[in-house]
Amino acid sequence: MAASSLHILAPDLVGQLLRAWPERDSSTLDLARVLARADQVPADGRDRERAILRLFGYDLGADEALPLAGLMAALDFDLREPPADYVSADPVHLRADPNRLILFDAATVGIDAQEADALLAALNAAFDAATVRFERGAAPSRWYARLPRVPLLAVPSPRRLNGCAIEHALGGLKRAGNLNRLLTEAQMVLHGDPCNAAREAAGRAPLNSLWFSGVGALPAPLRPAPRLALGEDDLVAACARATGTAHQRLLDALPAALAGGPGGVVVLAAAMDAQPAAFLARILLPALAALTDGRLADIVIEAGQAGFRLTSGMRWRWWRRPDACVRHLSRLLEAAPGA
């Protein structure tokens, strides 16, 4: 039986390792020692959404907007096929600074189901149902606009833009014609809504705008789907559903997943805030045990700007020092765009 390959997506792992390095506890030192003995491989996992799609065989160019609305709607509403008449219309907070406009997504500023339903009710009361219908998915922060004719739209998602100035992305919305006018009208509704007034009175940022994105259909995957995907991110679940990949949300299912079964790729999308101790105990040590006894052929870790490939032969590389690895990763992070 062929051994499996494990591909781990942990975008913030290097950052967490560098932040924990000054204290240099045993878990941090062990993690750095393992990474020091790995082969360096190309990686660019800073765009988490694009990286997840790539793990399922969806290769989109770095400048292409991701058509996620239909994919996520199929998951949220249990649809057999991704619908063509949905656009993501997620609630966001826009903050105007003197020289720029900064977007914060709803996951950052916070929104619960009651607030989401109240704001959506206000929006639907303000618009003709024949023109647009707003609804939300399983997550209170994930909204959709259902339109008779969805315009072409090349705009990044709120998760991708979170905390960033958005002037460069506004051009895509302005060229969307009716959708841009719909956005302006929706902002007026949200501005005067009692739910937002209550949020501001409580010292919380109002959800003062929508952000339209995600239009279009995903291309066919260019590679076979993984045999199993583990991860709590809903995009992992949506991709697994679309490609027929078995999926489990709990990362603690990894040891059982590696205990047997056919060969193939196992995808594990780790949490964004993977602390060294938790990453080592929950993910890396079970994976290394499977690598040692031959159940895994290799382990690939995509950690933001850095990529690592672990094989059984790495244990002989005792001369590679963890402190040298950390210095290299620090330089890599400092040289990265936007660092």
C-alpha atoms as a PDB file:
ATOM      1  CA  MET A   1       0.000   0.000   0.000  1.00  0.00           C
ATOM      2  CA  ALA A   2       1.445   3.370  -1.015  1.00  0.00           C
ATOM      3  CA  ALA A   3       2.282   5.828   1.750  1.00  0.00           C
ATOM      4  CA  SER A   4       0.391   9.080   1.991  1.00  0.00           C
ATOM      5  CA  SER A   5       1.683  12.601   1.681  1.00  0.00           C
ATOM      6  CA  LEU A   6       0.647  15.162   4.275  1.00  0.00           C
ATOM      7  CA  HIS A   7       0.342  18.810   3.257  1.00  0.00           C
ATOM      8  CA  ILE A   8      -0.048  21.217   6.177  1.00  0.00           C
ATOM      9  CA  LEU A   9      -1.170  24.814   5.743  1.00  0.00           C
ATOM     10  CA  ALA A  10      -0.145  26.945   8.733  1.00  0.00           C
ATOM     11  CA  PRO A  11       0.190  30.536   7.456  1.00  0.00           C
ATOM     12  CA  ASP A  12       1.233  32.120  10.750  1.00  0.00           C
ATOM     13  CA  LEU A  13       3.543  29.362  12.000  1.00  0.00           C
ATOM     14  CA  VAL A  14       6.796  31.169  11.205  1.00  0.00           C
ATOM     15  CA  GLY A  15       5.544  34.382  12.806  1.00  0.00           C
ATOM     16  CA  GLN A  16       4.496  32.510  15.939  1.00  0.00           C
ATOM     17  CA  LEU A  17       7.832  30.720  16.091  1.00  0.00           C
ATOM     18  CA  LEU A  18       9.763  33.991  15.848  1.00  0.00           C
ATOM     19  CA  ARG A  19       7.600  35.632  18.523  1.00  0.00           C
ATOM     20  CA  ALA A  20       8.144  32.683  20.875  1.00  0.00           C
ATOM     21  CA  TRP A  21      11.867  32.308  20.169  1.00  0.00           C
ATOM     22  CA  PRO A  22      13.216  34.812  22.763  1.00  0.00           C
ATOM     23  CA  GLU A  23      11.712  32.667  25.566  1.00  0.00           C
ATOM     24  CA  ARG A  24      13.018  29.506  23.869  1.00  0.00           C
ATOM     25  CA  ASP A  25      10.957  26.911  25.744  1.00  0.00           C
ATOM     26  CA  SER A  26      11.293  23.227  24.891  1.00  0.00           C
ATOM     27  CA  SER A  27       8.398  23.173  22.391  1.00  0.00           C
ATOM     28  CA  THR A  28       9.719  26.185  20.499  1.00  0.00           C
ATOM     29  CA  LEU A  29      13.221  24.699  20.419  1.00  0.00           C
ATOM     30  CA  ASP A  30      11.911  21.310  19.232  1.00  0.00           C
ATOM     31  CA  LEU A  31       9.871  22.922  16.465  1.00  0.00           C
ATOM     32  CA  ALA A  32      12.850  24.981  15.271  1.00  0.00           C
ATOM     33  CA  ARG A  33      15.037  21.864  15.346  1.00  0.00           C
ATOM     34  CA  VAL A  34      12.601  19.965  13.099  1.00  0.00           C
ATOM     35  CA  LEU A  35      12.272  22.847  10.638  1.00  0.00           C
ATOM     36  CA  ALA A  36      16.063  23.282  10.539  1.00  0.00           C
ATOM     37  CA  ARG A  37      16.449  19.714   9.259  1.00  0.00           C
ATOM     38  CA  ALA A  38      13.759  20.053   6.591  1.00  0.00           C
ATOM     39  CA  ASP A  39      14.262  20.853   2.923  1.00  0.00           C
ATOM     40  CA  GLN A  40      13.231  24.376   1.963  1.00  0.00           C
ATOM     41  CA  VAL A  41      10.511  24.428  -0.712  1.00  0.00           C
ATOM     42  CA  PRO A  42       8.726  27.336  -2.449  1.00  0.00           C
ATOM     43  CA  ALA A  43       5.670  28.664  -0.658  1.00  0.00           C
ATOM     44  CA  ASP A  44       3.434  31.678  -0.608  1.00  0.00           C
ATOM     45  CA  GLY A  45       0.671  30.919   1.842  1.00  0.00           C
ATOM     46  CA  ARG A  46       0.033  34.477   3.000  1.00  0.00           C
ATOM     47  CA  ASP A  47      -3.201  34.532   0.996  1.00  0.00           C
ATOM     48  CA  ARG A  48      -4.989  31.838   2.981  1.00  0.00           C
ATOM     49  CA  GLU A  49      -7.953  31.522   0.639  1.00  0.00           C
ATOM     50  CA  ARG A  50      -5.812  31.078  -2.452  1.00  0.00           C
ATOM     51  CA  ALA A  51      -3.574  28.602  -0.613  1.00  0.00           C
ATOM     52  CA  ILE A  52      -6.566  26.477   0.430  1.00  0.00           C
ATOM     53  CA  LEU A  53      -7.912  26.417  -3.121  1.00  0.00           C
ATOM     54  CA  ARG A  54      -4.508  25.348  -4.402  1.00  0.00           C
ATOM     55  CA  LEU A  55      -4.452  22.377  -2.015  1.00  0.00           C
ATOM     56  CA  PHE A  56      -7.622  21.123  -3.710  1.00  0.00           C
ATOM     57  CA  GLY A  57      -6.220  21.561  -7.213  1.00  0.00           C
ATOM     58  CA  TYR A  58      -7.716  24.964  -7.999  1.00  0.00           C
ATOM     59  CA  ASP A  59      -4.791  26.954  -9.384  1.00  0.00           C
ATOM     60  CA  LEU A  60      -5.690  30.591  -9.953  1.00  0.00           C
ATOM     61  CA  GLY A  61      -3.258  33.313 -10.915  1.00  0.00           C
ATOM     62  CA  ALA A  62      -1.939  35.621  -8.229  1.00  0.00           C
ATOM     63  CA  ASP A  63      -3.880  38.554  -9.691  1.00  0.00           C
ATOM     64  CA  GLU A  64      -7.150  36.713 -10.257  1.00  0.00           C
ATOM     65  CA  ALA A  65     -10.076  37.447  -7.949  1.00  0.00           C
ATOM     66  CA  LEU A  66     -11.343  34.299  -6.279  1.00  0.00           C
ATOM     67  CA  PRO A  67     -14.885  33.220  -7.287  1.00  0.00           C
ATOM     68  CA  LEU A  68     -15.914  31.981  -3.854  1.00  0.00           C
ATOM     69  CA  ALA A  69     -19.556  33.086  -3.593  1.00  0.00           C
ATOM     70  CA  GLY A  70     -21.101  30.088  -5.343  1.00  0.00           C
ATOM     71  CA  LEU A  71     -18.715  27.654  -3.676  1.00  0.00           C
ATOM     72  CA  MET A  72     -19.554  28.915  -0.178  1.00  0.00           C
ATOM     73  CA  ALA A  73     -23.288  29.236  -0.940  1.00  0.00           C
ATOM     74  CA  ALA A  74     -23.384  25.580  -1.989  1.00  0.00           C
ATOM     75  CA  LEU A  75     -21.991  24.691   1.441  1.00  0.00           C
ATOM     76  CA  ASP A  76     -24.252  27.069   3.373  1.00  0.00           C
ATOM     77  CA  PHE A  77     -27.488  26.126   1.631  1.00  0.00           C
ATOM     78  CA  ASP A  78     -26.702  22.463   0.858  1.00  0.00           C
ATOM     79  CA  LEU A  79     -26.940  22.921  -2.897  1.00  0.00           C
ATOM     80  CA  ARG A  80     -25.871  20.253  -5.372  1.00  0.00           C
ATOM     81  CA  GLU A  81     -24.126  22.781  -7.612  1.00  0.00           C
ATOM     82  CA  PRO A  82     -22.620  26.211  -6.854  1.00  0.00           C
ATOM     83  CA  PRO A  83     -25.289  28.754  -7.834  1.00  0.00           C
ATOM     84  CA  ALA A  84     -24.541  31.330 -10.526  1.00  0.00           C
ATOM     85  CA  ASP A  85     -26.752  34.120  -9.164  1.00  0.00           C
ATOM     86  CA  TYR A  86     -24.991  34.735  -5.847  1.00  0.00           C
ATOM     87  CA  VAL A  87     -22.414  37.350  -4.943  1.00  0.00           C
ATOM     88  CA  SER A  88     -20.781  37.560  -1.530  1.00  0.00           C
ATOM     89  CA  ALA A  89     -22.117  40.648   0.243  1.00  0.00           C
ATOM     90  CA  ASP A  90     -20.310  40.434   3.554  1.00  0.00           C
ATOM     91  CA  PRO A  91     -20.766  43.103   6.233  1.00  0.00           C
ATOM     92  CA  VAL A  92     -17.647  45.151   6.963  1.00  0.00           C
ATOM     93  CA  HIS A  93     -16.542  48.188   8.892  1.00  0.00           C
ATOM     94  CA  LEU A  94     -14.934  50.916   6.788  1.00  0.00           C
ATOM     95  CA  ARG A  95     -12.798  53.400   8.710  1.00  0.00           C
ATOM     96  CA  ALA A  96     -11.784  56.630   7.048  1.00  0.00           C
ATOM     97  CA  ASP A  97      -8.292  57.830   7.958  1.00  0.00           C
ATOM     98  CA  PRO A  98      -6.966  61.178   6.670  1.00  0.00           C
ATOM     99  CA  ASN A  99      -5.418  59.644   3.554  1.00  0.00           C
ATOM    100  CA  ARG A 100      -7.017  56.223   3.162  1.00  0.00           C
ATOM    101  CA  LEU A 101     -10.044  54.020   3.728  1.00  0.00           C
ATOM    102  CA  ILE A 102      -9.390  50.872   5.771  1.00  0.00           C
ATOM    103  CA  LEU A 103     -11.566  47.761   5.772  1.00  0.00           C
ATOM    104  CA  PHE A 104     -12.150  45.493   8.767  1.00  0.00           C
ATOM    105  CA  ASP A 105     -14.098  42.291   8.224  1.00  0.00           C
ATOM    106  CA  ALA A 106     -16.967  41.185  10.437  1.00  0.00           C
ATOM    107  CA  ALA A 107     -14.921  38.409  11.993  1.00  0.00           C
ATOM    108  CA  THR A 108     -12.553  41.082  13.326  1.00  0.00           C
ATOM    109  CA  VAL A 109     -15.089  43.604  14.633  1.00  0.00           C
ATOM    110  CA  GLY A 110     -17.539  40.890  15.711  1.00  0.00           C
ATOM    111  CA  ILE A 111     -21.137  40.138  14.804  1.00  0.00           C
ATOM    112  CA  ASP A 112     -23.620  37.661  16.248  1.00  0.00           C
ATOM    113  CA  ALA A 113     -26.604  35.963  14.619  1.00  0.00           C
ATOM    114  CA  GLN A 114     -29.141  38.363  16.143  1.00  0.00           C
ATOM    115  CA  GLU A 115     -27.311  41.423  14.820  1.00  0.00           C
ATOM    116  CA  ALA A 116     -26.851  39.833  11.408  1.00  0.00           C
ATOM    117  CA  ASP A 117     -30.524  38.962  11.094  1.00  0.00           C
ATOM    118  CA  ALA A 118     -31.610  42.456  12.172  1.00  0.00           C
ATOM    119  CA  LEU A 119     -29.345  44.170   9.644  1.00  0.00           C
ATOM    120  CA  LEU A 120     -30.369  41.801   6.862  1.00  0.00           C
ATOM    121  CA  ALA A 121     -34.041  42.418   7.622  1.00  0.00           C
ATOM    122  CA  ALA A 122     -33.443  46.163   7.303  1.00  0.00           C
ATOM    123  CA  LEU A 123     -31.681  45.708   3.969  1.00  0.00           C
ATOM    124  CA  ASN A 124     -34.377  43.459   2.537  1.00  0.00           C
ATOM    125  CA  ALA A 125     -37.077  45.896   3.657  1.00  0.00           C
ATOM    126  CA  ALA A 126     -35.301  48.708   1.796  1.00  0.00           C
ATOM    127  CA  PHE A 127     -34.952  46.927  -1.563  1.00  0.00           C
ATOM    128  CA  ASP A 128     -37.352  45.435  -4.052  1.00  0.00           C
ATOM    129  CA  ALA A 129     -37.173  41.641  -3.742  1.00  0.00           C
ATOM    130  CA  ALA A 130     -37.275  41.379  -7.530  1.00  0.00           C
ATOM    131  CA  THR A 131     -34.036  43.370  -7.710  1.00  0.00           C
ATOM    132  CA  VAL A 132     -31.976  41.848  -4.915  1.00  0.00           C
ATOM    133  CA  ARG A 133     -32.411  39.538  -1.962  1.00  0.00           C
ATOM    134  CA  PHE A 134     -29.935  39.441   0.929  1.00  0.00           C
ATOM    135  CA  GLU A 135     -29.397  36.351   3.070  1.00  0.00           C
ATOM    136  CA  ARG A 136     -26.744  34.880   5.276  1.00  0.00           C
ATOM    137  CA  GLY A 137     -25.006  31.547   5.552  1.00  0.00           C
ATOM    138  CA  ALA A 138     -24.217  29.463   8.619  1.00  0.00           C
ATOM    139  CA  ALA A 139     -21.762  32.072   9.879  1.00  0.00           C
ATOM    140  CA  PRO A 140     -23.282  35.432  10.918  1.00  0.00           C
ATOM    141  CA  SER A 141     -20.471  37.196   9.050  1.00  0.00           C
ATOM    142  CA  ARG A 142     -21.091  35.444   5.719  1.00  0.00           C
ATOM    143  CA  TRP A 143     -23.755  37.235   3.659  1.00  0.00           C
ATOM    144  CA  TYR A 144     -24.928  36.943   0.083  1.00  0.00           C
ATOM    145  CA  ALA A 145     -26.827  39.054  -2.394  1.00  0.00           C
ATOM    146  CA  ARG A 146     -28.937  37.072  -4.818  1.00  0.00           C
ATOM    147  CA  LEU A 147     -29.256  38.968  -8.083  1.00  0.00           C
ATOM    148  CA  PRO A 148     -31.087  38.218 -11.332  1.00  0.00           C
ATOM    149  CA  ARG A 149     -27.988  39.214 -13.290  1.00  0.00           C
ATOM    150  CA  VAL A 150     -24.650  39.056 -11.512  1.00  0.00           C
ATOM    151  CA  PRO A 151     -22.182  41.585 -12.955  1.00  0.00           C
ATOM    152  CA  LEU A 152     -18.551  40.775 -13.579  1.00  0.00           C
ATOM    153  CA  LEU A 153     -16.529  41.701 -10.510  1.00  0.00           C
ATOM    154  CA  ALA A 154     -12.827  41.337  -9.788  1.00  0.00           C
ATOM    155  CA  VAL A 155     -12.500  42.281  -6.119  1.00  0.00           C
ATOM    156  CA  PRO A 156     -10.630  40.549  -3.250  1.00  0.00           C
ATOM    157  CA  SER A 157     -12.606  39.167  -0.331  1.00  0.00           C
ATOM    158  CA  PRO A 158     -12.922  40.996   3.013  1.00  0.00           C
ATOM    159  CA  ARG A 159     -10.744  38.370   4.664  1.00  0.00           C
ATOM    160  CA  ARG A 160      -7.979  39.114   2.181  1.00  0.00           C
ATOM    161  CA  LEU A 161      -8.376  42.896   2.627  1.00  0.00           C
ATOM    162  CA  ASN A 162      -8.830  42.880   6.396  1.00  0.00           C
ATOM    163  CA  GLY A 163      -6.882  45.723   8.005  1.00  0.00           C
ATOM    164  CA  CYS A 164      -5.765  47.079   4.631  1.00  0.00           C
ATOM    165  CA  ALA A 165      -6.379  50.275   2.709  1.00  0.00           C
ATOM    166  CA  ILE A 166      -8.842  49.489  -0.070  1.00  0.00           C
ATOM    167  CA  GLU A 167      -8.411  52.276  -2.603  1.00  0.00           C
ATOM    168  CA  HIS A 168      -6.727  49.857  -5.012  1.00  0.00           C
ATOM    169  CA  ALA A 169      -9.733  47.519  -4.825  1.00  0.00           C
ATOM    170  CA  LEU A 170     -12.466  50.120  -5.202  1.00  0.00           C
ATOM    171  CA  GLY A 171     -11.963  50.366  -8.959  1.00  0.00           C
ATOM    172  CA  GLY A 172     -13.436  46.908  -9.444  1.00  0.00           C
ATOM    173  CA  LEU A 173     -16.577  47.880  -7.546  1.00  0.00           C
ATOM    174  CA  LYS A 174     -16.927  51.199  -9.342  1.00  0.00           C
ATOM    175  CA  ARG A 175     -16.849  49.400 -12.679  1.00  0.00           C
ATOM    176  CA  ALA A 176     -19.628  47.057 -11.558  1.00  0.00           C
ATOM    177  CA  GLY A 177     -22.378  49.541 -12.488  1.00  0.00           C
ATOM    178  CA  ASN A 178     -25.611  48.621 -10.721  1.00  0.00           C
ATOM    179  CA  LEU A 179     -23.711  46.761  -8.019  1.00  0.00           C
ATOM    180  CA  ASN A 180     -21.817  49.916  -7.111  1.00  0.00           C
ATOM    181  CA  ARG A 181     -25.078  51.851  -6.834  1.00  0.00           C
ATOM    182  CA  LEU A 182     -26.521  49.043  -4.718  1.00  0.00           C
ATOM    183  CA  LEU A 183     -23.512  49.336  -2.406  1.00  0.00           C
ATOM    184  CA  THR A 184     -24.057  53.076  -1.929  1.00  0.00           C
ATOM    185  CA  GLU A 185     -27.737  52.568  -1.104  1.00  0.00           C
ATOM    186  CA  ALA A 186     -26.942  49.720   1.288  1.00  0.00           C
ATOM    187  CA  GLN A 187     -24.461  51.940   3.131  1.00  0.00           C
ATOM    188  CA  MET A 188     -27.208  54.500   3.688  1.00  0.00           C
ATOM    189  CA  VAL A 189     -29.494  51.814   5.158  1.00  0.00           C
ATOM    190  CA  LEU A 190     -26.779  50.472   7.444  1.00  0.00           C
ATOM    191  CA  HIS A 191     -25.739  53.955   8.580  1.00  0.00           C
ATOM    192  CA  GLY A 192     -29.160  54.702  10.018  1.00  0.00           C
ATOM    193  CA  ASP A 193     -29.956  51.260  11.424  1.00  0.00           C
ATOM    194  CA  PRO A 194     -30.719  50.998  15.182  1.00  0.00           C
ATOM    195  CA  CYS A 195     -28.495  47.899  15.453  1.00  0.00           C
ATOM    196  CA  ASN A 196     -25.463  49.905  14.375  1.00  0.00           C
ATOM    197  CA  ALA A 197     -26.462  52.773  16.644  1.00  0.00           C
ATOM    198  CA  ALA A 198     -26.514  50.316  19.557  1.00  0.00           C
ATOM    199  CA  ARG A 199     -23.098  48.992  18.573  1.00  0.00           C
ATOM    200  CA  GLU A 200     -21.627  52.497  18.523  1.00  0.00           C
ATOM    201  CA  ALA A 201     -23.239  53.342  21.866  1.00  0.00           C
ATOM    202  CA  ALA A 202     -21.543  50.256  23.302  1.00  0.00           C
ATOM    203  CA  GLY A 203     -18.179  51.348  21.885  1.00  0.00           C
ATOM    204  CA  ARG A 204     -18.201  48.760  19.081  1.00  0.00           C
ATOM    205  CA  ALA A 205     -17.438  49.467  15.436  1.00  0.00           C
ATOM    206  CA  PRO A 206     -20.576  49.688  13.279  1.00  0.00           C
ATOM    207  CA  LEU A 207     -20.991  47.433  10.266  1.00  0.00           C
ATOM    208  CA  ASN A 208     -21.381  50.414   7.976  1.00  0.00           C
ATOM    209  CA  SER A 209     -20.924  48.811   4.574  1.00  0.00           C
ATOM    210  CA  LEU A 210     -21.191  45.671   2.524  1.00  0.00           C
ATOM    211  CA  TRP A 211     -18.343  44.296   0.458  1.00  0.00           C
ATOM    212  CA  PHE A 212     -19.227  42.561  -2.785  1.00  0.00           C
ATOM    213  CA  SER A 213     -16.862  39.861  -4.066  1.00  0.00           C
ATOM    214  CA  GLY A 214     -16.642  36.252  -5.151  1.00  0.00           C
ATOM    215  CA  VAL A 215     -18.466  36.398  -8.495  1.00  0.00           C
ATOM    216  CA  GLY A 216     -17.936  33.645 -11.034  1.00  0.00           C
ATOM    217  CA  ALA A 217     -17.372  29.918 -11.251  1.00  0.00           C
ATOM    218  CA  LEU A 218     -14.254  28.075 -10.206  1.00  0.00           C
ATOM    219  CA  PRO A 219     -12.344  26.359 -12.994  1.00  0.00           C
ATOM    220  CA  ALA A 220     -12.046  22.596 -12.948  1.00  0.00           C
ATOM    221  CA  PRO A 221      -9.292  21.344 -10.604  1.00  0.00           C
ATOM    222  CA  LEU A 222      -5.999  20.698 -12.375  1.00  0.00           C
ATOM    223  CA  ARG A 223      -4.977  17.864 -10.031  1.00  0.00           C
ATOM    224  CA  PRO A 224      -6.723  14.976  -8.276  1.00  0.00           C
ATOM    225  CA  ALA A 225      -8.435  15.920  -5.045  1.00  0.00           C
ATOM    226  CA  PRO A 226      -6.898  14.943  -1.694  1.00  0.00           C
ATOM    227  CA  ARG A 227      -8.267  11.767  -0.150  1.00  0.00           C
ATOM    228  CA  LEU A 228      -8.897  13.536   3.154  1.00  0.00           C
ATOM    229  CA  ALA A 229      -8.981  17.118   4.416  1.00  0.00           C
ATOM    230  CA  LEU A 230      -8.826  18.227   8.035  1.00  0.00           C
ATOM    231  CA  GLY A 231      -9.557  21.752   9.157  1.00  0.00           C
ATOM    232  CA  GLU A 232     -12.064  24.018  10.851  1.00  0.00           C
ATOM    233  CA  ASP A 233     -12.103  26.670   8.120  1.00  0.00           C
ATOM    234  CA  ASP A 234     -15.411  26.679   6.218  1.00  0.00           C
ATOM    235  CA  LEU A 235     -13.544  27.162   2.942  1.00  0.00           C
ATOM    236  CA  VAL A 236     -11.822  23.814   3.551  1.00  0.00           C
ATOM    237  CA  ALA A 237     -15.246  22.241   4.069  1.00  0.00           C
ATOM    238  CA  ALA A 238     -16.613  23.886   0.917  1.00  0.00           C
ATOM    239  CA  CYS A 239     -13.673  22.736  -1.225  1.00  0.00           C
ATOM    240  CA  ALA A 240     -13.925  19.217   0.178  1.00  0.00           C
ATOM    241  CA  ARG A 241     -17.637  19.146  -0.629  1.00  0.00           C
ATOM    242  CA  ALA A 242     -17.059  20.379  -4.177  1.00  0.00           C
ATOM    243  CA  THR A 243     -14.283  17.881  -4.919  1.00  0.00           C
ATOM    244  CA  GLY A 244     -15.761  14.852  -3.151  1.00  0.00           C
ATOM    245  CA  THR A 245     -12.995  14.843  -0.539  1.00  0.00           C
ATOM    246  CA  ALA A 246     -13.656  13.295   2.863  1.00  0.00           C
ATOM    247  CA  HIS A 247     -13.536  16.034   5.479  1.00  0.00           C
ATOM    248  CA  GLN A 248     -13.250  16.311   9.234  1.00  0.00           C
ATOM    249  CA  ARG A 249     -13.188  19.610  11.071  1.00  0.00           C
ATOM    250  CA  LEU A 250     -11.207  18.583  14.145  1.00  0.00           C
ATOM    251  CA  LEU A 251      -7.434  18.664  13.783  1.00  0.00           C
ATOM    252  CA  ASP A 252      -7.199  16.104  16.589  1.00  0.00           C
ATOM    253  CA  ALA A 253      -8.484  13.555  14.068  1.00  0.00           C
ATOM    254  CA  LEU A 254      -5.034  13.531  12.430  1.00  0.00           C
ATOM    255  CA  PRO A 255      -3.566  10.518  14.311  1.00  0.00           C
ATOM    256  CA  ALA A 256      -6.564   8.366  13.374  1.00  0.00           C
ATOM    257  CA  ALA A 257      -6.430   9.619   9.793  1.00  0.00           C
ATOM    258  CA  LEU A 258      -2.809   8.535   9.540  1.00  0.00           C
ATOM    259  CA  ALA A 259      -3.367   5.175  11.205  1.00  0.00           C
ATOM    260  CA  GLY A 260      -4.205   3.496   7.918  1.00  0.00           C
ATOM    261  CA  GLY A 261      -6.021   3.810   4.638  1.00  0.00           C
ATOM    262  CA  PRO A 262      -4.906   4.140   1.052  1.00  0.00           C
ATOM    263  CA  GLY A 263      -2.139   6.365  -0.174  1.00  0.00           C
ATOM    264  CA  GLY A 264      -2.794   9.828  -1.475  1.00  0.00           C
ATOM    265  CA  VAL A 265      -2.611  13.344  -0.232  1.00  0.00           C
ATOM    266  CA  VAL A 266      -3.950  14.320   3.173  1.00  0.00           C
ATOM    267  CA  VAL A 267      -4.545  18.063   3.525  1.00  0.00           C
ATOM    268  CA  LEU A 268      -4.483  19.694   6.930  1.00  0.00           C
ATOM    269  CA  ALA A 269      -5.290  23.402   7.195  1.00  0.00           C
ATOM    270  CA  ALA A 270      -4.108  24.423  10.644  1.00  0.00           C
ATOM    271  CA  ALA A 271      -5.404  27.347  12.639  1.00  0.00           C
ATOM    272  CA  MET A 272      -4.066  30.803  11.823  1.00  0.00           C
ATOM    273  CA  ASP A 273      -2.745  31.222  15.366  1.00  0.00           C
ATOM    274  CA  ALA A 274      -0.908  27.896  15.558  1.00  0.00           C
ATOM    275  CA  GLN A 275       1.232  28.316  18.686  1.00  0.00           C
ATOM    276  CA  PRO A 276       4.467  26.280  18.617  1.00  0.00           C
ATOM    277  CA  ALA A 277       3.498  24.059  21.567  1.00  0.00           C
ATOM    278  CA  ALA A 278       0.034  23.267  20.201  1.00  0.00           C
ATOM    279  CA  PHE A 279       1.292  22.778  16.655  1.00  0.00           C
ATOM    280  CA  LEU A 280       4.011  20.431  17.869  1.00  0.00           C
ATOM    281  CA  ALA A 281       1.741  18.329  20.104  1.00  0.00           C
ATOM    282  CA  ARG A 282      -1.441  18.167  18.008  1.00  0.00           C
ATOM    283  CA  ILE A 283      -0.010  18.072  14.504  1.00  0.00           C
ATOM    284  CA  LEU A 284       3.719  17.687  14.040  1.00  0.00           C
ATOM    285  CA  LEU A 285       4.540  14.885  16.503  1.00  0.00           C
ATOM    286  CA  PRO A 286       1.767  12.544  15.221  1.00  0.00           C
ATOM    287  CA  ALA A 287       2.839  13.329  11.657  1.00  0.00           C
ATOM    288  CA  LEU A 288       6.506  12.650  12.410  1.00  0.00           C
ATOM    289  CA  ALA A 289       5.581   9.312  13.997  1.00  0.00           C
ATOM    290  CA  ALA A 290       3.744   8.362  10.790  1.00  0.00           C
ATOM    291  CA  LEU A 291       6.740   9.501   8.750  1.00  0.00           C
ATOM    292  CA  THR A 292       9.131   7.382  10.823  1.00  0.00           C
ATOM    293  CA  ASP A 293       7.146   4.152  10.472  1.00  0.00           C
ATOM    294  CA  GLY A 294       6.467   4.602   6.754  1.00  0.00           C
ATOM    295  CA  ARG A 295       2.805   5.580   6.791  1.00  0.00           C
ATOM    296  CA  LEU A 296       3.785   8.960   5.356  1.00  0.00           C
ATOM    297  CA  ALA A 297       6.153   9.450   2.444  1.00  0.00           C
ATOM    298  CA  ASP A 298       6.681  13.104   3.243  1.00  0.00           C
ATOM    299  CA  ILE A 299       5.267  16.116   5.064  1.00  0.00           C
ATOM    300  CA  VAL A 300       5.020  19.506   3.382  1.00  0.00           C
ATOM    301  CA  ILE A 301       4.419  22.543   5.593  1.00  0.00           C
ATOM    302  CA  GLU A 302       3.360  25.770   3.915  1.00  0.00           C
ATOM    303  CA  ALA A 303       3.992  28.456   6.518  1.00  0.00           C
ATOM    304  CA  GLY A 304       3.404  31.817   4.920  1.00  0.00           C
ATOM    305  CA  GLN A 305       6.566  32.916   3.120  1.00  0.00           C
ATOM    306  CA  ALA A 306       8.431  29.723   4.041  1.00  0.00           C
ATOM    307  CA  GLY A 307       7.888  26.159   2.907  1.00  0.00           C
ATOM    308  CA  PHE A 308       9.352  22.962   4.372  1.00  0.00           C
ATOM    309  CA  ARG A 309       9.478  19.348   3.217  1.00  0.00           C
ATOM    310  CA  LEU A 310      10.161  16.672   5.810  1.00  0.00           C
ATOM    311  CA  THR A 311      11.306  13.170   4.860  1.00  0.00           C
ATOM    312  CA  SER A 312      12.575  10.189   6.824  1.00  0.00           C
ATOM    313  CA  GLY A 313      16.183  11.060   5.920  1.00  0.00           C
ATOM    314  CA  MET A 314      16.035  14.378   7.727  1.00  0.00           C
ATOM    315  CA  ARG A 315      16.844  12.772  11.083  1.00  0.00           C
ATOM    316  CA  TRP A 316      20.467  12.421  10.032  1.00  0.00           C
ATOM    317  CA  ARG A 317      20.904  16.150   9.532  1.00  0.00           C
ATOM    318  CA  TRP A 318      21.992  16.681  13.129  1.00  0.00           C
ATOM    319  CA  TRP A 319      24.428  19.456  12.174  1.00  0.00           C
ATOM    320  CA  ARG A 320      21.636  21.854  11.152  1.00  0.00           C
ATOM    321  CA  ARG A 321      21.156  24.212  14.071  1.00  0.00           C
ATOM    322  CA  PRO A 322      17.760  25.607  15.155  1.00  0.00           C
ATOM    323  CA  ASP A 323      19.171  29.067  15.899  1.00  0.00           C
ATOM    324  CA  ALA A 324      20.533  29.345  12.347  1.00  0.00           C
ATOM    325  CA  CYS A 325      17.109  28.316  11.005  1.00  0.00           C
ATOM    326  CA  VAL A 326      15.382  31.004  13.077  1.00  0.00           C
ATOM    327  CA  ARG A 327      17.811  33.664  11.842  1.00  0.00           C
ATOM    328  CA  HIS A 328      17.125  32.622   8.248  1.00  0.00           C
ATOM    329  CA  LEU A 329      13.348  32.746   8.791  1.00  0.00           C
ATOM    330  CA  SER A 330      13.636  36.151  10.426  1.00  0.00           C
ATOM    331  CA  ARG A 331      15.494  37.525   7.395  1.00  0.00           C
ATOM    332  CA  LEU A 332      12.926  35.916   5.109  1.00  0.00           C
ATOM    333  CA  LEU A 333      10.068  37.599   6.935  1.00  0.00           C
ATOM    334  CA  GLU A 334      11.804  40.989   6.947  1.00  0.00           C
ATOM    335  CA  ALA A 335      12.366  40.795   3.183  1.00  0.00           C
ATOM    336  CA  ALA A 336       8.759  39.844   2.429  1.00  0.00           C
ATOM    337  CA  PRO A 337       6.537  42.477   0.753  1.00  0.00           C
ATOM    338  CA  GLY A 338       4.519  44.353   3.352  1.00  0.00           C
ATOM    339  CA  ALA A 339       6.777  43.307   6.215  1.00  0.00           C
END
